[in-house]
């Protein structure tokens, strides 16, 4: 069963010093990304982990470096500048090894069931130890 909430409500679970994993490629939930970024004044040191993402990455804006740090497993055009401006890092990993980072708790993500239906897009929210991931289904 799904509960319908706004993007603004969904991203309220994100707190300072949390890690957020952003779904890759064209499946990036832009509505949630924008809502999270709008909270930049109240958030500090949120690590945004991602593979290659399409579209805007407003959290990668150097002016928001106190709020967000980008950790890229693949450095795409929309976040490449973070490596030179100091608000980003690169974790080299083969795509096939990425699931092992989570499975072996190198990047701790334990699953907890929370579900949201947002603007007719099914989103699954997974939380553990200050780690949040929004995956599209």
N, C-alpha and C. Protein backbone atom coordinates (compact mmCIF):
# COMPACT_ATOMS: atom_id res chain seq x y z
N UNK A 1 0.83 -1.17 0.00
CA UNK A 1 0.00 0.00 0.00
C UNK A 1 0.89 1.24 0.00
N UNK A 2 0.51 2.23 -0.76
CA UNK A 2 1.27 3.46 -0.89
C UNK A 2 0.55 4.61 -0.20
N UNK A 3 1.32 5.50 0.34
CA UNK A 3 0.79 6.73 0.89
C UNK A 3 1.31 7.86 0.02
N UNK A 4 0.43 8.75 -0.38
CA UNK A 4 0.82 9.85 -1.25
C UNK A 4 1.29 11.02 -0.41
N UNK A 5 2.51 11.48 -0.68
CA UNK A 5 3.06 12.66 0.00
C UNK A 5 3.74 13.53 -1.05
N UNK A 6 3.91 14.78 -0.72
CA UNK A 6 4.62 15.69 -1.63
C UNK A 6 6.12 15.40 -1.57
N UNK A 7 6.83 15.90 -2.54
CA UNK A 7 8.29 15.76 -2.55
C UNK A 7 8.88 16.44 -1.32
N UNK A 8 8.35 17.59 -0.98
CA UNK A 8 8.85 18.33 0.18
C UNK A 8 8.70 17.51 1.47
N UNK A 9 7.59 16.81 1.58
CA UNK A 9 7.36 15.96 2.76
C UNK A 9 8.28 14.75 2.74
N UNK A 10 8.47 14.15 1.58
CA UNK A 10 9.30 12.94 1.46
C UNK A 10 10.74 13.20 1.85
N UNK A 11 11.29 14.35 1.49
CA UNK A 11 12.71 14.62 1.77
C UNK A 11 12.95 15.16 3.17
N UNK A 12 11.90 15.32 3.96
CA UNK A 12 12.09 15.76 5.35
C UNK A 12 12.82 14.70 6.18
N UNK A 13 12.86 13.46 5.70
CA UNK A 13 13.59 12.42 6.42
C UNK A 13 15.10 12.62 6.34
N UNK A 14 15.56 13.40 5.40
CA UNK A 14 16.98 13.65 5.23
C UNK A 14 17.43 14.67 6.26
N UNK A 15 18.48 14.33 6.99
CA UNK A 15 19.01 15.19 8.04
C UNK A 15 20.48 15.52 7.73
N UNK A 16 21.00 16.51 8.42
CA UNK A 16 22.42 16.84 8.28
C UNK A 16 23.27 15.61 8.60
N UNK A 17 24.40 15.48 7.90
CA UNK A 17 25.35 14.37 8.05
C UNK A 17 24.81 13.04 7.55
N UNK A 18 23.73 13.05 6.78
CA UNK A 18 23.19 11.83 6.17
C UNK A 18 23.89 11.55 4.85
N UNK A 19 23.73 10.32 4.39
CA UNK A 19 24.19 9.92 3.05
C UNK A 19 22.94 9.63 2.23
N UNK A 20 22.89 10.19 1.01
CA UNK A 20 21.77 9.97 0.11
C UNK A 20 22.32 9.33 -1.16
N UNK A 21 21.73 8.22 -1.57
CA UNK A 21 22.11 7.61 -2.85
C UNK A 21 21.06 7.99 -3.87
N UNK A 22 21.50 8.55 -4.99
CA UNK A 22 20.61 8.99 -6.05
C UNK A 22 20.62 7.94 -7.16
N UNK A 23 19.43 7.50 -7.55
CA UNK A 23 19.29 6.53 -8.65
C UNK A 23 19.98 7.06 -9.91
N UNK A 24 20.51 6.18 -10.71
CA UNK A 24 21.36 6.56 -11.84
C UNK A 24 20.59 6.83 -13.13
N UNK A 25 21.33 7.43 -14.05
CA UNK A 25 20.93 7.67 -15.43
C UNK A 25 19.66 8.53 -15.52
N UNK A 26 18.76 8.15 -16.39
CA UNK A 26 17.55 8.94 -16.61
C UNK A 26 16.50 8.70 -15.54
N UNK A 27 16.75 7.78 -14.60
CA UNK A 27 15.80 7.47 -13.55
C UNK A 27 15.95 8.38 -12.33
N UNK A 28 16.75 9.41 -12.44
CA UNK A 28 16.95 10.34 -11.33
C UNK A 28 15.62 11.00 -10.97
N UNK A 29 15.23 10.92 -9.71
CA UNK A 29 13.96 11.54 -9.29
C UNK A 29 14.15 13.05 -9.11
N UNK A 30 14.09 13.79 -10.21
CA UNK A 30 14.36 15.24 -10.19
C UNK A 30 13.49 15.99 -9.20
N UNK A 31 12.25 15.58 -9.05
CA UNK A 31 11.35 16.26 -8.11
C UNK A 31 11.91 16.16 -6.69
N UNK A 32 12.41 14.98 -6.32
CA UNK A 32 12.99 14.81 -4.99
C UNK A 32 14.32 15.53 -4.86
N UNK A 33 15.13 15.48 -5.90
CA UNK A 33 16.42 16.19 -5.89
C UNK A 33 16.19 17.68 -5.66
N UNK A 34 15.25 18.24 -6.38
CA UNK A 34 14.97 19.67 -6.23
C UNK A 34 14.44 19.99 -4.84
N UNK A 35 13.58 19.15 -4.32
CA UNK A 35 13.04 19.38 -2.98
C UNK A 35 14.13 19.27 -1.92
N UNK A 36 15.04 18.31 -2.08
CA UNK A 36 16.16 18.18 -1.15
C UNK A 36 17.05 19.41 -1.22
N UNK A 37 17.36 19.85 -2.42
CA UNK A 37 18.25 21.00 -2.60
C UNK A 37 17.64 22.27 -2.04
N UNK A 38 16.33 22.40 -2.13
CA UNK A 38 15.66 23.57 -1.57
C UNK A 38 15.87 23.69 -0.06
N UNK A 39 16.20 22.59 0.58
CA UNK A 39 16.43 22.58 2.03
C UNK A 39 17.87 22.90 2.40
N UNK A 40 18.66 23.39 1.44
CA UNK A 40 20.10 23.59 1.65
C UNK A 40 20.43 24.45 2.86
N UNK A 41 19.59 25.39 3.21
CA UNK A 41 19.89 26.27 4.35
C UNK A 41 19.80 25.54 5.69
N UNK A 42 18.99 24.48 5.75
CA UNK A 42 18.85 23.75 7.01
C UNK A 42 19.68 22.48 7.06
N UNK A 43 20.28 22.08 5.94
CA UNK A 43 21.07 20.85 5.88
C UNK A 43 22.57 21.18 5.84
N UNK A 44 23.37 20.35 6.50
CA UNK A 44 24.82 20.48 6.49
C UNK A 44 25.44 19.11 6.28
N UNK A 45 26.47 19.08 5.44
CA UNK A 45 27.29 17.89 5.24
C UNK A 45 26.49 16.66 4.82
N UNK A 46 25.57 16.83 3.89
CA UNK A 46 24.84 15.69 3.33
C UNK A 46 25.66 15.15 2.17
N UNK A 47 26.02 13.88 2.24
CA UNK A 47 26.79 13.24 1.17
C UNK A 47 25.82 12.67 0.14
N UNK A 48 25.95 13.12 -1.10
CA UNK A 48 25.10 12.65 -2.18
C UNK A 48 25.93 11.71 -3.04
N UNK A 49 25.65 10.41 -2.96
CA UNK A 49 26.36 9.39 -3.73
C UNK A 49 25.59 9.12 -5.00
N UNK A 50 26.31 8.93 -6.09
CA UNK A 50 25.63 8.70 -7.36
C UNK A 50 26.53 8.06 -8.38
N UNK A 51 25.88 7.39 -9.31
CA UNK A 51 26.53 6.99 -10.55
C UNK A 51 26.30 8.13 -11.53
N UNK A 52 26.41 7.85 -12.79
CA UNK A 52 26.12 8.86 -13.81
C UNK A 52 24.65 9.23 -13.74
N UNK A 53 24.37 10.52 -13.63
CA UNK A 53 22.98 10.98 -13.61
C UNK A 53 22.73 11.94 -14.75
N UNK A 54 21.56 11.84 -15.31
CA UNK A 54 21.14 12.77 -16.37
C UNK A 54 20.41 13.94 -15.73
N UNK A 55 20.41 15.05 -16.42
CA UNK A 55 19.66 16.19 -15.94
C UNK A 55 20.43 17.06 -14.97
N UNK A 56 19.68 17.90 -14.31
CA UNK A 56 20.27 18.86 -13.37
C UNK A 56 20.74 18.15 -12.10
N UNK A 57 21.78 18.72 -11.51
CA UNK A 57 22.28 18.26 -10.21
C UNK A 57 22.48 19.51 -9.35
N UNK A 58 21.38 20.14 -8.92
CA UNK A 58 21.50 21.41 -8.21
C UNK A 58 22.28 21.31 -6.90
N UNK A 59 22.31 20.14 -6.28
CA UNK A 59 23.08 19.94 -5.06
C UNK A 59 24.59 20.05 -5.31
N UNK A 60 25.01 19.98 -6.57
CA UNK A 60 26.42 20.06 -6.92
C UNK A 60 26.90 21.51 -7.10
N UNK A 61 26.03 22.46 -6.90
CA UNK A 61 26.39 23.87 -7.00
C UNK A 61 27.44 24.19 -5.95
N UNK A 62 28.60 24.74 -6.36
CA UNK A 62 29.66 25.05 -5.40
C UNK A 62 29.21 25.96 -4.25
N UNK A 63 28.21 26.79 -4.50
CA UNK A 63 27.71 27.67 -3.44
C UNK A 63 27.03 26.89 -2.32
N UNK A 64 26.69 25.63 -2.58
CA UNK A 64 26.00 24.80 -1.58
C UNK A 64 26.96 23.81 -0.90
N UNK A 65 28.27 24.09 -0.98
CA UNK A 65 29.27 23.14 -0.48
C UNK A 65 29.14 22.84 1.01
N UNK A 66 28.58 23.73 1.80
CA UNK A 66 28.39 23.46 3.23
C UNK A 66 27.22 22.49 3.46
N UNK A 67 26.32 22.45 2.51
CA UNK A 67 25.15 21.59 2.63
C UNK A 67 25.33 20.22 2.01
N UNK A 68 25.97 20.17 0.83
CA UNK A 68 26.07 18.92 0.07
C UNK A 68 27.48 18.65 -0.40
N UNK A 69 27.88 17.39 -0.32
CA UNK A 69 29.14 16.91 -0.88
C UNK A 69 28.80 15.78 -1.84
N UNK A 70 29.26 15.88 -3.07
CA UNK A 70 28.95 14.89 -4.10
C UNK A 70 30.03 13.81 -4.10
N UNK A 71 29.63 12.56 -3.97
CA UNK A 71 30.54 11.43 -4.07
C UNK A 71 30.12 10.64 -5.30
N UNK A 72 30.89 10.76 -6.37
CA UNK A 72 30.54 10.14 -7.65
C UNK A 72 31.26 8.81 -7.83
N UNK A 73 30.51 7.81 -8.25
CA UNK A 73 31.10 6.54 -8.65
C UNK A 73 31.41 6.57 -10.14
N UNK A 74 30.85 7.53 -10.83
CA UNK A 74 31.13 7.83 -12.24
C UNK A 74 30.95 9.33 -12.38
N UNK A 75 31.96 10.01 -12.90
CA UNK A 75 31.91 11.47 -12.96
C UNK A 75 31.34 11.91 -14.30
N UNK A 76 30.12 12.39 -14.28
CA UNK A 76 29.46 12.90 -15.47
C UNK A 76 29.60 14.41 -15.58
N UNK A 77 29.16 14.92 -16.69
CA UNK A 77 29.29 16.35 -16.98
C UNK A 77 28.63 17.23 -15.93
N UNK A 78 27.48 16.80 -15.41
CA UNK A 78 26.72 17.65 -14.50
C UNK A 78 27.34 17.78 -13.10
N UNK A 79 28.34 16.95 -12.77
CA UNK A 79 29.00 17.05 -11.47
C UNK A 79 30.53 17.11 -11.57
N UNK A 80 31.05 17.11 -12.77
CA UNK A 80 32.51 17.10 -12.96
C UNK A 80 33.20 18.27 -12.26
N UNK A 81 32.56 19.42 -12.29
CA UNK A 81 33.16 20.61 -11.68
C UNK A 81 33.36 20.47 -10.18
N UNK A 82 32.63 19.56 -9.52
CA UNK A 82 32.77 19.42 -8.07
C UNK A 82 34.15 18.94 -7.66
N UNK A 83 34.83 18.23 -8.56
CA UNK A 83 36.17 17.74 -8.24
C UNK A 83 37.19 18.87 -8.18
N UNK A 84 36.99 19.92 -8.95
CA UNK A 84 37.92 21.04 -8.94
C UNK A 84 37.50 22.15 -7.97
N UNK A 85 36.22 22.23 -7.64
CA UNK A 85 35.76 23.27 -6.73
C UNK A 85 35.77 22.82 -5.27
N UNK A 86 36.02 21.54 -5.03
CA UNK A 86 36.17 21.06 -3.66
C UNK A 86 34.92 20.54 -2.99
N UNK A 87 33.80 20.53 -3.67
CA UNK A 87 32.58 20.00 -3.05
C UNK A 87 32.20 18.63 -3.61
N UNK A 88 33.21 17.91 -4.11
CA UNK A 88 32.95 16.59 -4.66
C UNK A 88 34.14 15.68 -4.56
N UNK A 89 33.88 14.39 -4.67
CA UNK A 89 34.94 13.40 -4.68
C UNK A 89 34.55 12.28 -5.64
N UNK A 90 35.54 11.48 -5.97
CA UNK A 90 35.34 10.38 -6.91
C UNK A 90 35.75 9.08 -6.23
N UNK A 91 34.86 8.12 -6.21
CA UNK A 91 35.15 6.79 -5.70
C UNK A 91 35.17 5.85 -6.90
N UNK A 92 36.37 5.46 -7.37
CA UNK A 92 36.44 4.59 -8.55
C UNK A 92 35.94 3.19 -8.22
N UNK A 93 35.02 2.71 -9.02
CA UNK A 93 34.45 1.39 -8.82
C UNK A 93 33.89 0.90 -10.15
N UNK A 94 34.06 -0.39 -10.41
CA UNK A 94 33.42 -0.97 -11.58
C UNK A 94 31.92 -1.04 -11.32
N UNK A 95 31.15 -0.80 -12.34
CA UNK A 95 29.70 -0.84 -12.20
C UNK A 95 29.24 -2.16 -11.61
N UNK A 96 29.87 -3.24 -12.02
CA UNK A 96 29.48 -4.57 -11.52
C UNK A 96 29.79 -4.74 -10.04
N UNK A 97 30.69 -3.93 -9.49
CA UNK A 97 31.06 -4.04 -8.08
C UNK A 97 30.21 -3.15 -7.16
N UNK A 98 29.45 -2.24 -7.73
CA UNK A 98 28.68 -1.31 -6.92
C UNK A 98 27.72 -2.01 -5.94
N UNK A 99 27.00 -3.04 -6.36
CA UNK A 99 26.12 -3.71 -5.38
C UNK A 99 26.89 -4.28 -4.18
N UNK A 100 28.15 -4.67 -4.40
CA UNK A 100 28.94 -5.22 -3.30
C UNK A 100 29.28 -4.14 -2.27
N UNK A 101 29.41 -2.89 -2.70
CA UNK A 101 29.66 -1.80 -1.75
C UNK A 101 28.55 -1.72 -0.73
N UNK A 102 27.33 -1.95 -1.19
CA UNK A 102 26.19 -1.91 -0.29
C UNK A 102 26.03 -3.23 0.47
N UNK A 103 26.19 -4.34 -0.23
CA UNK A 103 26.01 -5.65 0.39
C UNK A 103 27.02 -5.89 1.51
N UNK A 104 28.27 -5.43 1.30
CA UNK A 104 29.33 -5.64 2.29
C UNK A 104 29.43 -4.49 3.29
N UNK A 105 28.47 -3.59 3.25
CA UNK A 105 28.40 -2.44 4.16
C UNK A 105 29.61 -1.51 4.08
N UNK A 106 30.25 -1.48 2.92
CA UNK A 106 31.29 -0.47 2.69
C UNK A 106 30.60 0.90 2.63
N UNK A 107 29.46 0.94 1.96
CA UNK A 107 28.54 2.07 2.02
C UNK A 107 27.29 1.50 2.67
N UNK A 108 27.09 1.83 3.92
CA UNK A 108 26.03 1.20 4.70
C UNK A 108 24.65 1.64 4.24
N UNK A 109 23.92 0.70 3.72
CA UNK A 109 22.52 0.89 3.38
C UNK A 109 21.79 -0.39 3.76
N UNK A 110 21.04 -0.31 4.84
CA UNK A 110 20.18 -1.41 5.24
C UNK A 110 18.77 -1.01 4.89
N UNK A 111 17.96 -1.94 4.48
CA UNK A 111 16.65 -1.61 3.96
C UNK A 111 15.61 -1.56 5.07
N UNK A 112 14.80 -0.56 5.02
CA UNK A 112 13.64 -0.44 5.89
C UNK A 112 12.48 -0.04 5.00
N UNK A 113 11.35 -0.66 5.18
CA UNK A 113 10.24 -0.43 4.26
C UNK A 113 9.50 0.87 4.57
N UNK A 114 9.57 1.79 3.64
CA UNK A 114 8.77 3.01 3.62
C UNK A 114 8.45 3.22 2.16
N UNK A 115 7.23 3.49 1.83
CA UNK A 115 6.87 3.67 0.42
C UNK A 115 6.12 4.96 0.22
N UNK A 116 6.41 5.58 -0.90
CA UNK A 116 5.74 6.82 -1.26
C UNK A 116 5.25 6.72 -2.70
N UNK A 117 4.10 7.29 -2.97
CA UNK A 117 3.63 7.48 -4.34
C UNK A 117 3.64 8.98 -4.56
N UNK A 118 4.45 9.42 -5.50
CA UNK A 118 4.65 10.85 -5.69
C UNK A 118 4.40 11.19 -7.14
N UNK A 119 3.39 11.98 -7.39
CA UNK A 119 3.06 12.43 -8.74
C UNK A 119 3.05 11.29 -9.75
N UNK A 120 2.39 10.22 -9.38
CA UNK A 120 2.21 9.05 -10.22
C UNK A 120 3.52 8.32 -10.54
N UNK A 121 4.57 8.58 -9.76
CA UNK A 121 5.84 7.86 -9.90
C UNK A 121 6.01 7.05 -8.63
N UNK A 122 6.22 5.74 -8.75
CA UNK A 122 6.45 4.92 -7.57
C UNK A 122 7.88 5.12 -7.10
N UNK A 123 8.03 5.49 -5.85
CA UNK A 123 9.35 5.70 -5.27
C UNK A 123 9.47 4.84 -4.02
N UNK A 124 10.60 4.22 -3.83
CA UNK A 124 10.83 3.47 -2.62
C UNK A 124 11.87 4.21 -1.79
N UNK A 125 11.57 4.45 -0.54
CA UNK A 125 12.49 5.12 0.37
C UNK A 125 13.10 4.06 1.26
N UNK A 126 14.43 3.99 1.28
CA UNK A 126 15.13 3.00 2.09
C UNK A 126 16.04 3.74 3.07
N UNK A 127 16.00 3.38 4.34
CA UNK A 127 16.76 4.10 5.36
C UNK A 127 17.52 3.14 6.25
N UNK A 128 18.78 3.53 6.55
CA UNK A 128 19.54 2.86 7.59
C UNK A 128 20.68 3.76 7.99
N UNK A 129 20.96 3.79 9.22
CA UNK A 129 22.12 4.52 9.72
C UNK A 129 22.39 5.81 8.95
N UNK A 130 21.39 6.65 8.87
CA UNK A 130 21.52 7.94 8.21
C UNK A 130 21.77 7.84 6.71
N UNK A 131 21.35 6.77 6.09
CA UNK A 131 21.50 6.60 4.65
C UNK A 131 20.12 6.52 4.03
N UNK A 132 19.85 7.34 3.05
CA UNK A 132 18.56 7.36 2.39
C UNK A 132 18.77 7.16 0.90
N UNK A 133 17.93 6.37 0.30
CA UNK A 133 18.03 6.17 -1.14
C UNK A 133 16.64 6.21 -1.73
N UNK A 134 16.48 6.92 -2.81
CA UNK A 134 15.21 7.00 -3.50
C UNK A 134 15.40 6.36 -4.87
N UNK A 135 14.84 5.18 -5.03
CA UNK A 135 14.95 4.45 -6.29
C UNK A 135 13.61 4.47 -6.99
N UNK A 136 13.60 4.68 -8.29
CA UNK A 136 12.35 4.60 -9.03
C UNK A 136 12.09 3.15 -9.40
N UNK A 137 10.83 2.79 -9.45
CA UNK A 137 10.42 1.41 -9.84
C UNK A 137 9.61 1.50 -11.11
